[in-house]
């Protein structure tokens, strides 16, 4: 059987690190938002075959057992008790890697969604999220999508109202930031006086894009200290963004626009300077099956 699923990227509207567990995982306070920039993930099963095979349109992405999509298939079979059979996973990348946009995590979530549909296991969203937690910290969010206030290692999720309508311009500079190195630097600085996300969440709840934009925060920006990140943020606000911030551990930067025309003009201008520039919008769902041009969500409706 064959199923193709769209896998939305995520951005962090707010991100602070509040501590570190004994197992090495970091504790977060973050508001995550799914966006309409998506990878396409095709899962093909063969009951007469064996093993998991991953292919990817981006030659820089590893396609061995270290790939999160590969691990998602392994964890699905382990959790459901279904006898492992031949699985081919084909990933068409649009989400840039090394960007802080959960490109690998959302591909894994898409595999879980697809296998749940193919094998008709009828796992609920929370059950898929429980499997997802074994794969990576961002994968549970990617299973659910939408707008979430998250804590713990990112796995404790509280749904928020849909992000108010806006346009989002994402710029990915050429350099990548090591997530492990970013967390190491964060450990050196300590975790006193964490920031509060109350004002940003209030903006979401009241449908005020500008309030959200004025309260964007990412602790990793202070750690990174990149002049280019600051330059991109300034360019985005100069072109009309209400606010701009780096997402995740970087290096992608996004700006929130109330005016779609300004966002389109900004996208055009930024594309003259950077190769990887994307115009997208908030997305209120996780993985969706692509069938005959129509999208069906994990929730069973057409949200």
C-alpha atoms as a PDB file:
ATOM      1  CA  UNK A   1       0.000   0.000   0.000  1.00  0.00           C
ATOM      2  CA  UNK A   2       1.128   3.543  -0.718  1.00  0.00           C
ATOM      3  CA  UNK A   3       0.289   6.773   1.114  1.00  0.00           C
ATOM      4  CA  UNK A   4       1.648  10.308   0.647  1.00  0.00           C
ATOM      5  CA  UNK A   5       1.452  12.726   3.549  1.00  0.00           C
ATOM      6  CA  UNK A   6       2.241  16.431   3.883  1.00  0.00           C
ATOM      7  CA  UNK A   7       4.451  17.170   6.881  1.00  0.00           C
ATOM      8  CA  UNK A   8       4.295  20.789   8.179  1.00  0.00           C
ATOM      9  CA  UNK A   9       7.342  22.607   9.507  1.00  0.00           C
ATOM     10  CA  UNK A  10       7.264  24.386  12.862  1.00  0.00           C
ATOM     11  CA  UNK A  11       8.489  27.679  14.215  1.00  0.00           C
ATOM     12  CA  UNK A  12       9.057  28.704  17.821  1.00  0.00           C
ATOM     13  CA  UNK A  13       7.202  31.882  18.703  1.00  0.00           C
ATOM     14  CA  UNK A  14       8.688  31.693  22.185  1.00  0.00           C
ATOM     15  CA  UNK A  15      11.579  29.560  23.424  1.00  0.00           C
ATOM     16  CA  UNK A  16      13.330  29.552  26.758  1.00  0.00           C
ATOM     17  CA  UNK A  17      15.319  26.830  28.507  1.00  0.00           C
ATOM     18  CA  UNK A  18      14.428  26.384  32.153  1.00  0.00           C
ATOM     19  CA  UNK A  19      16.781  23.596  33.221  1.00  0.00           C
ATOM     20  CA  UNK A  20      18.353  20.256  32.441  1.00  0.00           C
ATOM     21  CA  UNK A  21      17.335  16.749  33.454  1.00  0.00           C
ATOM     22  CA  UNK A  22      19.731  14.109  34.745  1.00  0.00           C
ATOM     23  CA  UNK A  23      19.376  12.192  31.473  1.00  0.00           C
ATOM     24  CA  UNK A  24      20.746  15.176  29.532  1.00  0.00           C
ATOM     25  CA  UNK A  25      17.444  16.390  28.081  1.00  0.00           C
ATOM     26  CA  UNK A  26      16.740  20.084  28.546  1.00  0.00           C
ATOM     27  CA  UNK A  27      13.544  21.483  30.016  1.00  0.00           C
ATOM     28  CA  UNK A  28      11.792  24.018  27.829  1.00  0.00           C
ATOM     29  CA  UNK A  29       9.154  26.681  27.909  1.00  0.00           C
ATOM     30  CA  UNK A  30       8.089  27.158  24.312  1.00  0.00           C
ATOM     31  CA  UNK A  31       5.170  28.092  22.111  1.00  0.00           C
ATOM     32  CA  UNK A  32       5.336  26.146  18.863  1.00  0.00           C
ATOM     33  CA  UNK A  33       3.437  26.887  15.684  1.00  0.00           C
ATOM     34  CA  UNK A  34       2.972  24.670  12.627  1.00  0.00           C
ATOM     35  CA  UNK A  35       3.295  26.451   9.271  1.00  0.00           C
ATOM     36  CA  UNK A  36       2.286  25.695   5.701  1.00  0.00           C
ATOM     37  CA  UNK A  37       5.843  24.994   4.531  1.00  0.00           C
ATOM     38  CA  UNK A  38       5.741  21.196   4.184  1.00  0.00           C
ATOM     39  CA  UNK A  39       7.749  18.160   3.163  1.00  0.00           C
ATOM     40  CA  UNK A  40       5.990  15.370   1.276  1.00  0.00           C
ATOM     41  CA  UNK A  41       6.504  11.912   2.761  1.00  0.00           C
ATOM     42  CA  UNK A  42       5.431   8.815   0.840  1.00  0.00           C
ATOM     43  CA  UNK A  43       5.239   5.503   2.697  1.00  0.00           C
ATOM     44  CA  UNK A  44       5.035   2.268   0.705  1.00  0.00           C
ATOM     45  CA  UNK A  45       4.536  -1.077   2.435  1.00  0.00           C
ATOM     46  CA  UNK A  46       5.169  -4.555   1.048  1.00  0.00           C
ATOM     47  CA  UNK A  47       3.944  -7.460   3.164  1.00  0.00           C
ATOM     48  CA  UNK A  48       6.242  -9.811   1.273  1.00  0.00           C
ATOM     49  CA  UNK A  49       9.279  -7.581   1.786  1.00  0.00           C
ATOM     50  CA  UNK A  50      11.541  -6.904   4.747  1.00  0.00           C
ATOM     51  CA  UNK A  51      13.485  -4.022   6.201  1.00  0.00           C
ATOM     52  CA  UNK A  52      13.101  -0.247   6.110  1.00  0.00           C
ATOM     53  CA  UNK A  53      14.446   1.849   3.258  1.00  0.00           C
ATOM     54  CA  UNK A  54      14.610   5.650   3.192  1.00  0.00           C
ATOM     55  CA  UNK A  55      15.253   7.872   0.178  1.00  0.00           C
ATOM     56  CA  UNK A  56      15.402  11.663   0.212  1.00  0.00           C
ATOM     57  CA  UNK A  57      15.501  14.405  -2.403  1.00  0.00           C
ATOM     58  CA  UNK A  58      18.184  16.180  -0.332  1.00  0.00           C
ATOM     59  CA  UNK A  59      21.464  14.306  -0.744  1.00  0.00           C
ATOM     60  CA  UNK A  60      22.784  15.776   2.522  1.00  0.00           C
ATOM     61  CA  UNK A  61      20.134  13.994   4.584  1.00  0.00           C
ATOM     62  CA  UNK A  62      21.293  10.587   5.911  1.00  0.00           C
ATOM     63  CA  UNK A  63      19.032   7.746   4.809  1.00  0.00           C
ATOM     64  CA  UNK A  64      20.244   5.079   7.231  1.00  0.00           C
ATOM     65  CA  UNK A  65      18.877   4.032  10.626  1.00  0.00           C
ATOM     66  CA  UNK A  66      19.838   7.439  12.075  1.00  0.00           C
ATOM     67  CA  UNK A  67      17.099   9.122  10.021  1.00  0.00           C
ATOM     68  CA  UNK A  68      14.127  10.028  12.210  1.00  0.00           C
ATOM     69  CA  UNK A  69      11.683   8.708   9.609  1.00  0.00           C
ATOM     70  CA  UNK A  70      13.447   5.322   9.728  1.00  0.00           C
ATOM     71  CA  UNK A  71      13.270   5.337  13.527  1.00  0.00           C
ATOM     72  CA  UNK A  72       9.587   6.252  13.400  1.00  0.00           C
ATOM     73  CA  UNK A  73       8.831   3.098  11.414  1.00  0.00           C
ATOM     74  CA  UNK A  74      10.823   1.008  13.900  1.00  0.00           C
ATOM     75  CA  UNK A  75       9.021   2.529  16.883  1.00  0.00           C
ATOM     76  CA  UNK A  76       5.608   2.107  15.256  1.00  0.00           C
ATOM     77  CA  UNK A  77       6.111  -1.614  14.728  1.00  0.00           C
ATOM     78  CA  UNK A  78       7.529  -2.021  18.241  1.00  0.00           C
ATOM     79  CA  UNK A  79       4.586  -0.173  19.837  1.00  0.00           C
ATOM     80  CA  UNK A  80       1.830  -1.913  17.871  1.00  0.00           C
ATOM     81  CA  UNK A  81       3.269  -5.409  17.824  1.00  0.00           C
ATOM     82  CA  UNK A  82       2.736  -5.605  14.078  1.00  0.00           C
ATOM     83  CA  UNK A  83       5.246  -7.879  12.406  1.00  0.00           C
ATOM     84  CA  UNK A  84       7.765  -5.670  10.662  1.00  0.00           C
ATOM     85  CA  UNK A  85       7.571  -5.884   6.896  1.00  0.00           C
ATOM     86  CA  UNK A  86       9.029  -4.079   3.931  1.00  0.00           C
ATOM     87  CA  UNK A  87       8.659  -0.302   4.236  1.00  0.00           C
ATOM     88  CA  UNK A  88       9.971   2.264   1.769  1.00  0.00           C
ATOM     89  CA  UNK A  89       9.903   5.914   2.859  1.00  0.00           C
ATOM     90  CA  UNK A  90      10.386   8.575   0.199  1.00  0.00           C
ATOM     91  CA  UNK A  91      10.956  12.123   1.451  1.00  0.00           C
ATOM     92  CA  UNK A  92      10.593  15.166  -0.777  1.00  0.00           C
ATOM     93  CA  UNK A  93      12.275  17.966   1.150  1.00  0.00           C
ATOM     94  CA  UNK A  94      11.112  21.562   1.129  1.00  0.00           C
ATOM     95  CA  UNK A  95      11.851  22.361   4.762  1.00  0.00           C
ATOM     96  CA  UNK A  96      15.512  23.412   4.998  1.00  0.00           C
ATOM     97  CA  UNK A  97      17.788  21.325   7.209  1.00  0.00           C
ATOM     98  CA  UNK A  98      19.779  22.874  10.042  1.00  0.00           C
ATOM     99  CA  UNK A  99      17.107  25.542  10.321  1.00  0.00           C
ATOM    100  CA  UNK A 100      15.362  24.906  13.650  1.00  0.00           C
ATOM    101  CA  UNK A 101      12.112  24.097  11.832  1.00  0.00           C
ATOM    102  CA  UNK A 102      11.764  20.412  12.840  1.00  0.00           C
ATOM    103  CA  UNK A 103      12.270  19.102   9.305  1.00  0.00           C
ATOM    104  CA  UNK A 104      13.382  15.680  10.507  1.00  0.00           C
ATOM    105  CA  UNK A 105      10.850  15.534  13.331  1.00  0.00           C
ATOM    106  CA  UNK A 106       7.889  16.303  11.091  1.00  0.00           C
ATOM    107  CA  UNK A 107       8.971  13.629   8.599  1.00  0.00           C
ATOM    108  CA  UNK A 108       8.940  11.140  11.481  1.00  0.00           C
ATOM    109  CA  UNK A 109       5.467  12.310  12.506  1.00  0.00           C
ATOM    110  CA  UNK A 110       4.283  11.842   8.928  1.00  0.00           C
ATOM    111  CA  UNK A 111       5.554   8.249   8.922  1.00  0.00           C
ATOM    112  CA  UNK A 112       3.666   7.508  12.144  1.00  0.00           C
ATOM    113  CA  UNK A 113       0.520   9.015  10.647  1.00  0.00           C
ATOM    114  CA  UNK A 114       0.900   7.062   7.400  1.00  0.00           C
ATOM    115  CA  UNK A 115       1.558   3.701   9.053  1.00  0.00           C
ATOM    116  CA  UNK A 116      -1.396   4.246  11.392  1.00  0.00           C
ATOM    117  CA  UNK A 117      -3.592   4.721   8.320  1.00  0.00           C
ATOM    118  CA  UNK A 118      -2.087   1.900   6.258  1.00  0.00           C
ATOM    119  CA  UNK A 119      -2.375  -0.710   9.016  1.00  0.00           C
ATOM    120  CA  UNK A 120      -5.709   0.670  10.292  1.00  0.00           C
ATOM    121  CA  UNK A 121      -4.453   0.599  13.863  1.00  0.00           C
ATOM    122  CA  UNK A 122      -6.776   3.504  14.814  1.00  0.00           C
ATOM    123  CA  UNK A 123      -4.297   4.990  17.264  1.00  0.00           C
ATOM    124  CA  UNK A 124      -5.484   8.277  18.723  1.00  0.00           C
ATOM    125  CA  UNK A 125      -3.388  11.426  18.456  1.00  0.00           C
ATOM    126  CA  UNK A 126      -2.105  11.075  22.023  1.00  0.00           C
ATOM    127  CA  UNK A 127      -1.109   7.460  21.416  1.00  0.00           C
ATOM    128  CA  UNK A 128       0.884   8.513  18.353  1.00  0.00           C
ATOM    129  CA  UNK A 129       2.437  11.322  20.395  1.00  0.00           C
ATOM    130  CA  UNK A 130       3.508   8.782  23.028  1.00  0.00           C
ATOM    131  CA  UNK A 131       5.324   6.793  20.340  1.00  0.00           C
ATOM    132  CA  UNK A 132       6.734  10.031  18.921  1.00  0.00           C
ATOM    133  CA  UNK A 133       8.334  10.962  22.253  1.00  0.00           C
ATOM    134  CA  UNK A 134      10.701   8.000  21.882  1.00  0.00           C
ATOM    135  CA  UNK A 135      11.997   9.423  18.591  1.00  0.00           C
ATOM    136  CA  UNK A 136      12.728  13.044  19.463  1.00  0.00           C
ATOM    137  CA  UNK A 137      11.608  16.009  21.559  1.00  0.00           C
ATOM    138  CA  UNK A 138       9.848  17.860  18.708  1.00  0.00           C
ATOM    139  CA  UNK A 139       8.109  14.825  17.210  1.00  0.00           C
ATOM    140  CA  UNK A 140       5.074  14.806  19.573  1.00  0.00           C
ATOM    141  CA  UNK A 141       4.294  18.400  18.610  1.00  0.00           C
ATOM    142  CA  UNK A 142       4.696  17.567  14.936  1.00  0.00           C
ATOM    143  CA  UNK A 143       2.175  14.747  15.320  1.00  0.00           C
ATOM    144  CA  UNK A 144      -0.396  17.234  16.643  1.00  0.00           C
ATOM    145  CA  UNK A 145       0.557  20.475  14.883  1.00  0.00           C
ATOM    146  CA  UNK A 146      -1.412  23.663  15.331  1.00  0.00           C
ATOM    147  CA  UNK A 147      -0.474  26.099  18.112  1.00  0.00           C
ATOM    148  CA  UNK A 148       0.823  24.637  21.359  1.00  0.00           C
ATOM    149  CA  UNK A 149       2.212  25.886  24.646  1.00  0.00           C
ATOM    150  CA  UNK A 150       4.827  23.255  25.519  1.00  0.00           C
ATOM    151  CA  UNK A 151       6.889  22.412  28.573  1.00  0.00           C
ATOM    152  CA  UNK A 152       8.947  19.492  29.835  1.00  0.00           C
ATOM    153  CA  UNK A 153      11.266  18.498  26.987  1.00  0.00           C
ATOM    154  CA  UNK A 154       8.580  19.809  24.639  1.00  0.00           C
ATOM    155  CA  UNK A 155       6.350  16.786  25.198  1.00  0.00           C
ATOM    156  CA  UNK A 156       3.890  18.354  27.665  1.00  0.00           C
ATOM    157  CA  UNK A 157       1.530  20.162  25.312  1.00  0.00           C
ATOM    158  CA  UNK A 158      -1.397  22.479  25.965  1.00  0.00           C
ATOM    159  CA  UNK A 159      -3.381  23.461  22.846  1.00  0.00           C
ATOM    160  CA  UNK A 160      -3.875  27.170  22.260  1.00  0.00           C
ATOM    161  CA  UNK A 161      -6.402  28.910  20.012  1.00  0.00           C
ATOM    162  CA  UNK A 162      -5.403  29.087  16.372  1.00  0.00           C
ATOM    163  CA  UNK A 163      -2.676  31.607  15.654  1.00  0.00           C
ATOM    164  CA  UNK A 164      -4.267  34.781  14.248  1.00  0.00           C
ATOM    165  CA  UNK A 165      -4.154  35.024  10.471  1.00  0.00           C
ATOM    166  CA  UNK A 166      -0.885  36.449   9.200  1.00  0.00           C
ATOM    167  CA  UNK A 167       1.874  35.944   6.659  1.00  0.00           C
ATOM    168  CA  UNK A 168       5.231  34.528   7.673  1.00  0.00           C
ATOM    169  CA  UNK A 169       8.480  35.120   5.797  1.00  0.00           C
ATOM    170  CA  UNK A 170      11.244  32.637   6.621  1.00  0.00           C
ATOM    171  CA  UNK A 171      14.886  33.262   5.682  1.00  0.00           C
ATOM    172  CA  UNK A 172      17.493  30.516   6.057  1.00  0.00           C
ATOM    173  CA  UNK A 173      21.107  31.745   5.826  1.00  0.00           C
ATOM    174  CA  UNK A 174      23.771  29.386   4.496  1.00  0.00           C
ATOM    175  CA  UNK A 175      25.371  28.587   7.833  1.00  0.00           C
ATOM    176  CA  UNK A 176      23.999  26.003  10.230  1.00  0.00           C
ATOM    177  CA  UNK A 177      24.036  26.049  14.020  1.00  0.00           C
ATOM    178  CA  UNK A 178      24.879  22.936  16.008  1.00  0.00           C
ATOM    179  CA  UNK A 179      21.982  22.232  18.374  1.00  0.00           C
ATOM    180  CA  UNK A 180      24.288  20.342  20.729  1.00  0.00           C
ATOM    181  CA  UNK A 181      26.718  23.260  20.837  1.00  0.00           C
ATOM    182  CA  UNK A 182      23.893  25.744  21.406  1.00  0.00           C
ATOM    183  CA  UNK A 183      22.643  23.752  24.391  1.00  0.00           C
ATOM    184  CA  UNK A 184      26.196  23.425  25.731  1.00  0.00           C
ATOM    185  CA  UNK A 185      26.570  27.209  25.705  1.00  0.00           C
ATOM    186  CA  UNK A 186      23.185  27.531  27.345  1.00  0.00           C
ATOM    187  CA  UNK A 187      24.307  25.240  30.163  1.00  0.00           C
ATOM    188  CA  UNK A 188      27.296  27.495  30.765  1.00  0.00           C
ATOM    189  CA  UNK A 189      25.033  30.529  31.201  1.00  0.00           C
ATOM    190  CA  UNK A 190      22.687  28.803  33.656  1.00  0.00           C
ATOM    191  CA  UNK A 191      18.926  28.942  33.967  1.00  0.00           C
ATOM    192  CA  UNK A 192      18.004  31.651  36.430  1.00  0.00           C
ATOM    193  CA  UNK A 193      15.128  34.071  35.817  1.00  0.00           C
ATOM    194  CA  UNK A 194      13.369  32.344  32.911  1.00  0.00           C
ATOM    195  CA  UNK A 195      11.240  34.514  30.642  1.00  0.00           C
ATOM    196  CA  UNK A 196       7.452  34.367  30.720  1.00  0.00           C
ATOM    197  CA  UNK A 197       5.342  33.691  27.627  1.00  0.00           C
ATOM    198  CA  UNK A 198       2.122  35.145  29.117  1.00  0.00           C
ATOM    199  CA  UNK A 199       2.020  38.284  26.948  1.00  0.00           C
ATOM    200  CA  UNK A 200       2.614  36.327  23.733  1.00  0.00           C
ATOM    201  CA  UNK A 201      -0.052  33.761  24.632  1.00  0.00           C
ATOM    202  CA  UNK A 202      -2.455  36.610  25.412  1.00  0.00           C
ATOM    203  CA  UNK A 203      -1.851  37.947  21.906  1.00  0.00           C
ATOM    204  CA  UNK A 204      -2.703  34.549  20.415  1.00  0.00           C
ATOM    205  CA  UNK A 205      -5.838  34.187  22.526  1.00  0.00           C
ATOM    206  CA  UNK A 206      -7.012  37.686  21.591  1.00  0.00           C
ATOM    207  CA  UNK A 207      -6.184  37.323  17.899  1.00  0.00           C
ATOM    208  CA  UNK A 208      -3.604  40.143  17.886  1.00  0.00           C
ATOM    209  CA  UNK A 209      -0.706  39.460  15.541  1.00  0.00           C
ATOM    210  CA  UNK A 210       1.134  42.604  16.592  1.00  0.00           C
ATOM    211  CA  UNK A 211       1.032  41.615  20.279  1.00  0.00           C
ATOM    212  CA  UNK A 212       2.415  38.204  19.368  1.00  0.00           C
ATOM    213  CA  UNK A 213       5.120  39.807  17.231  1.00  0.00           C
ATOM    214  CA  UNK A 214       6.136  42.246  19.955  1.00  0.00           C
ATOM    215  CA  UNK A 215       6.655  39.395  22.419  1.00  0.00           C
ATOM    216  CA  UNK A 216       8.611  36.918  20.286  1.00  0.00           C
ATOM    217  CA  UNK A 217      11.538  35.471  22.236  1.00  0.00           C
ATOM    218  CA  UNK A 218      14.295  32.916  21.670  1.00  0.00           C
ATOM    219  CA  UNK A 219      17.003  32.314  24.264  1.00  0.00           C
ATOM    220  CA  UNK A 220      19.239  30.788  21.614  1.00  0.00           C
ATOM    221  CA  UNK A 221      19.620  34.171  19.922  1.00  0.00           C
ATOM    222  CA  UNK A 222      21.545  35.494  22.922  1.00  0.00           C
ATOM    223  CA  UNK A 223      23.696  32.376  22.916  1.00  0.00           C
ATOM    224  CA  UNK A 224      24.406  32.435  19.185  1.00  0.00           C
ATOM    225  CA  UNK A 225      25.275  36.119  19.009  1.00  0.00           C
ATOM    226  CA  UNK A 226      25.245  36.059  15.205  1.00  0.00           C
ATOM    227  CA  UNK A 227      25.524  39.366  13.358  1.00  0.00           C
ATOM    228  CA  UNK A 228      23.897  37.808  10.303  1.00  0.00           C
ATOM    229  CA  UNK A 229      20.853  36.700  12.334  1.00  0.00           C
ATOM    230  CA  UNK A 230      20.482  40.265  13.590  1.00  0.00           C
ATOM    231  CA  UNK A 231      20.889  41.606  10.045  1.00  0.00           C
ATOM    232  CA  UNK A 232      18.118  39.357   8.721  1.00  0.00           C
ATOM    233  CA  UNK A 233      15.807  40.350  11.567  1.00  0.00           C
ATOM    234  CA  UNK A 234      16.391  44.028  10.829  1.00  0.00           C
ATOM    235  CA  UNK A 235      15.753  43.515   7.116  1.00  0.00           C
ATOM    236  CA  UNK A 236      12.468  41.725   7.819  1.00  0.00           C
ATOM    237  CA  UNK A 237      11.226  44.496  10.108  1.00  0.00           C
ATOM    238  CA  UNK A 238      12.426  47.159   7.669  1.00  0.00           C
ATOM    239  CA  UNK A 239      10.232  45.508   5.018  1.00  0.00           C
ATOM    240  CA  UNK A 240       7.194  45.608   7.288  1.00  0.00           C
ATOM    241  CA  UNK A 241       7.337  42.670   9.699  1.00  0.00           C
ATOM    242  CA  UNK A 242       5.726  43.412  13.074  1.00  0.00           C
ATOM    243  CA  UNK A 243       8.475  41.356  14.675  1.00  0.00           C
ATOM    244  CA  UNK A 244      11.185  38.862  13.748  1.00  0.00           C
ATOM    245  CA  UNK A 245      13.065  36.129  15.585  1.00  0.00           C
ATOM    246  CA  UNK A 246      15.223  33.062  15.031  1.00  0.00           C
ATOM    247  CA  UNK A 247      13.400  29.731  15.350  1.00  0.00           C
ATOM    248  CA  UNK A 248      14.634  26.795  17.418  1.00  0.00           C
ATOM    249  CA  UNK A 249      18.405  26.634  17.681  1.00  0.00           C
ATOM    250  CA  UNK A 250      18.589  28.255  14.235  1.00  0.00           C
ATOM    251  CA  UNK A 251      19.633  29.280  11.810  1.00  0.00           C
ATOM    252  CA  UNK A 252      16.310  30.160  10.130  1.00  0.00           C
ATOM    253  CA  UNK A 253      14.757  33.533  10.981  1.00  0.00           C
ATOM    254  CA  UNK A 254      11.097  34.446  10.467  1.00  0.00           C
ATOM    255  CA  UNK A 255       9.053  37.624  10.469  1.00  0.00           C
ATOM    256  CA  UNK A 256       5.317  38.018  11.131  1.00  0.00           C
ATOM    257  CA  UNK A 257       3.375  40.277   8.754  1.00  0.00           C
ATOM    258  CA  UNK A 258      -0.143  41.625   9.127  1.00  0.00           C
ATOM    259  CA  UNK A 259      -0.115  42.779   5.486  1.00  0.00           C
ATOM    260  CA  UNK A 260       0.179  40.026   2.857  1.00  0.00           C
ATOM    261  CA  UNK A 261       1.363  42.417   0.142  1.00  0.00           C
ATOM    262  CA  UNK A 262       4.224  43.593   2.338  1.00  0.00           C
ATOM    263  CA  UNK A 263       5.123  39.959   3.029  1.00  0.00           C
ATOM    264  CA  UNK A 264       5.199  39.209  -0.696  1.00  0.00           C
ATOM    265  CA  UNK A 265       7.367  42.254  -1.387  1.00  0.00           C
ATOM    266  CA  UNK A 266       9.685  41.263   1.456  1.00  0.00           C
ATOM    267  CA  UNK A 267       9.960  37.724   0.097  1.00  0.00           C
ATOM    268  CA  UNK A 268      10.943  39.055  -3.311  1.00  0.00           C
ATOM    269  CA  UNK A 269      13.591  41.351  -1.853  1.00  0.00           C
ATOM    270  CA  UNK A 270      15.048  38.708   0.464  1.00  0.00           C
ATOM    271  CA  UNK A 271      15.278  36.212  -2.406  1.00  0.00           C
ATOM    272  CA  UNK A 272      17.687  38.625  -4.096  1.00  0.00           C
ATOM    273  CA  UNK A 273      20.033  38.133  -1.122  1.00  0.00           C
ATOM    274  CA  UNK A 274      19.390  34.578   0.085  1.00  0.00           C
ATOM    275  CA  UNK A 275      18.736  31.304  -1.711  1.00  0.00           C
ATOM    276  CA  UNK A 276      16.359  29.877   0.896  1.00  0.00           C
ATOM    277  CA  UNK A 277      13.406  32.212   1.462  1.00  0.00           C
ATOM    278  CA  UNK A 278       9.848  31.017   2.066  1.00  0.00           C
ATOM    279  CA  UNK A 279       6.447  32.692   2.310  1.00  0.00           C
ATOM    280  CA  UNK A 280       4.013  30.699   4.416  1.00  0.00           C
ATOM    281  CA  UNK A 281       1.245  31.064   6.987  1.00  0.00           C
ATOM    282  CA  UNK A 282       0.113  29.462  10.258  1.00  0.00           C
ATOM    283  CA  UNK A 283      -1.203  25.916   9.965  1.00  0.00           C
ATOM    284  CA  UNK A 284      -3.686  24.441  12.461  1.00  0.00           C
ATOM    285  CA  UNK A 285      -2.956  20.745  11.912  1.00  0.00           C
ATOM    286  CA  UNK A 286      -0.243  18.118  11.839  1.00  0.00           C
ATOM    287  CA  UNK A 287       0.381  15.542   9.094  1.00  0.00           C
ATOM    288  CA  UNK A 288      -2.292  15.230   6.413  1.00  0.00           C
ATOM    289  CA  UNK A 289      -2.884  12.660   3.748  1.00  0.00           C
ATOM    290  CA  UNK A 290      -2.628  13.996   0.217  1.00  0.00           C
ATOM    291  CA  UNK A 291      -5.372  12.273  -1.780  1.00  0.00           C
ATOM    292  CA  UNK A 292      -6.559  13.551  -5.119  1.00  0.00           C
ATOM    293  CA  UNK A 293      -5.477  17.068  -4.227  1.00  0.00           C
ATOM    294  CA  UNK A 294      -7.514  17.101  -1.023  1.00  0.00           C
ATOM    295  CA  UNK A 295      -6.009  17.066   2.444  1.00  0.00           C
ATOM    296  CA  UNK A 296      -7.421  14.948   5.236  1.00  0.00           C
ATOM    297  CA  UNK A 297      -6.171  15.597   8.734  1.00  0.00           C
ATOM    298  CA  UNK A 298      -5.325  13.285  11.567  1.00  0.00           C
ATOM    299  CA  UNK A 299      -8.413  14.608  13.337  1.00  0.00           C
ATOM    300  CA  UNK A 300     -10.720  13.107  10.696  1.00  0.00           C
ATOM    301  CA  UNK A 301     -12.004  16.403   9.290  1.00  0.00           C
ATOM    302  CA  UNK A 302     -10.805  18.916   6.717  1.00  0.00           C
ATOM    303  CA  UNK A 303      -9.353  21.520   9.051  1.00  0.00           C
END
